[in-house]
């Protein structure tokens, strides 16, 4: 069912009565800053992960597409 517009107005009016306009404005500002900080850190984490993927793509020992590992290559050279 969810919260309708009327219920949301009632909740906001009760919060305004409990906290007051000045305190409610400070709470909103602090909450907005917290959300912005969270989004910023999430974006930095995603950038860091993509940077790790890019740096590993250039490494020859990080290529897993052939199906052979370095250990298999070393074993085959010993057997030859």
Protein backbone atom coordinates (compact mmCIF):
# COMPACT_ATOMS: atom_id res chain seq x y z
CA UNK A 1 0.00 0.00 0.00
CA UNK A 2 2.74 2.51 0.89
CA UNK A 3 2.63 5.92 2.48
CA UNK A 4 0.37 8.43 0.80
CA UNK A 5 0.76 12.18 0.62
CA UNK A 6 -1.63 12.76 3.56
CA UNK A 7 0.28 10.36 5.83
CA UNK A 8 3.58 11.97 4.87
CA UNK A 9 2.25 15.43 5.75
CA UNK A 10 1.05 14.17 9.13
CA UNK A 11 4.46 12.64 9.89
CA UNK A 12 6.24 15.86 8.88
CA UNK A 13 3.87 17.97 10.99
CA UNK A 14 4.51 15.77 14.05
CA UNK A 15 8.28 15.97 13.46
CA UNK A 16 7.99 19.75 13.20
CA UNK A 17 6.13 19.90 16.51
CA UNK A 18 8.61 17.62 18.26
CA UNK A 19 11.89 19.06 16.98
CA UNK A 20 11.00 22.60 15.95
CA UNK A 21 11.79 24.34 12.68
CA UNK A 22 15.42 25.23 13.44
CA UNK A 23 16.37 21.78 14.72
CA UNK A 24 14.53 20.09 11.85
CA UNK A 25 16.47 22.22 9.35
CA UNK A 26 19.77 21.19 11.03
CA UNK A 27 18.75 17.53 10.97
CA UNK A 28 17.92 17.77 7.26
CA UNK A 29 21.20 19.48 6.51
CA UNK A 30 23.20 16.88 8.44
CA UNK A 31 21.31 14.05 6.80
CA UNK A 32 21.96 15.53 3.35
CA UNK A 33 25.67 15.87 4.11
CA UNK A 34 25.78 12.26 5.27
CA UNK A 35 24.10 11.04 2.08
CA UNK A 36 26.48 13.10 -0.08
CA UNK A 37 29.47 11.69 1.81
CA UNK A 38 28.16 8.15 1.39
CA UNK A 39 27.65 8.62 -2.36
CA UNK A 40 31.11 10.16 -2.71
CA UNK A 41 32.78 7.24 -0.94
CA UNK A 42 30.80 4.73 -3.02
CA UNK A 43 31.93 6.44 -6.23
CA UNK A 44 35.54 6.48 -5.02
CA UNK A 45 35.30 2.77 -4.23
CA UNK A 46 33.94 2.02 -7.69
CA UNK A 47 36.70 4.11 -9.28
CA UNK A 48 39.30 2.26 -7.23
CA UNK A 49 37.89 -1.12 -8.27
CA UNK A 50 37.86 -0.16 -11.94
CA UNK A 51 41.44 1.09 -11.58
CA UNK A 52 42.49 -2.26 -10.15
CA UNK A 53 40.85 -4.06 -13.06
CA UNK A 54 42.62 -1.83 -15.57
CA UNK A 55 45.99 -2.33 -13.90
CA UNK A 56 45.52 -6.10 -13.83
CA UNK A 57 44.53 -6.23 -17.50
CA UNK A 58 47.99 -5.01 -18.51
CA UNK A 59 49.78 -7.69 -16.49
CA UNK A 60 50.67 -10.88 -18.38
CA UNK A 61 50.33 -13.03 -15.25
CA UNK A 62 46.75 -11.82 -14.74
CA UNK A 63 45.53 -13.23 -18.08
CA UNK A 64 43.25 -16.14 -17.29
CA UNK A 65 41.75 -16.46 -20.76
CA UNK A 66 44.11 -19.26 -21.93
CA UNK A 67 43.08 -21.64 -19.18
CA UNK A 68 46.72 -22.44 -18.38
CA UNK A 69 48.28 -21.26 -15.18
CA UNK A 70 51.90 -20.42 -14.55
CA UNK A 71 52.16 -23.64 -12.58
CA UNK A 72 51.01 -25.68 -15.62
CA UNK A 73 53.60 -23.93 -17.78
CA UNK A 74 56.34 -24.69 -15.27
CA UNK A 75 55.28 -28.35 -15.03
CA UNK A 76 55.29 -28.76 -18.80
CA UNK A 77 58.80 -27.26 -19.04
CA UNK A 78 60.05 -29.70 -16.41
CA UNK A 79 58.61 -32.68 -18.27
CA UNK A 80 60.25 -31.67 -21.57
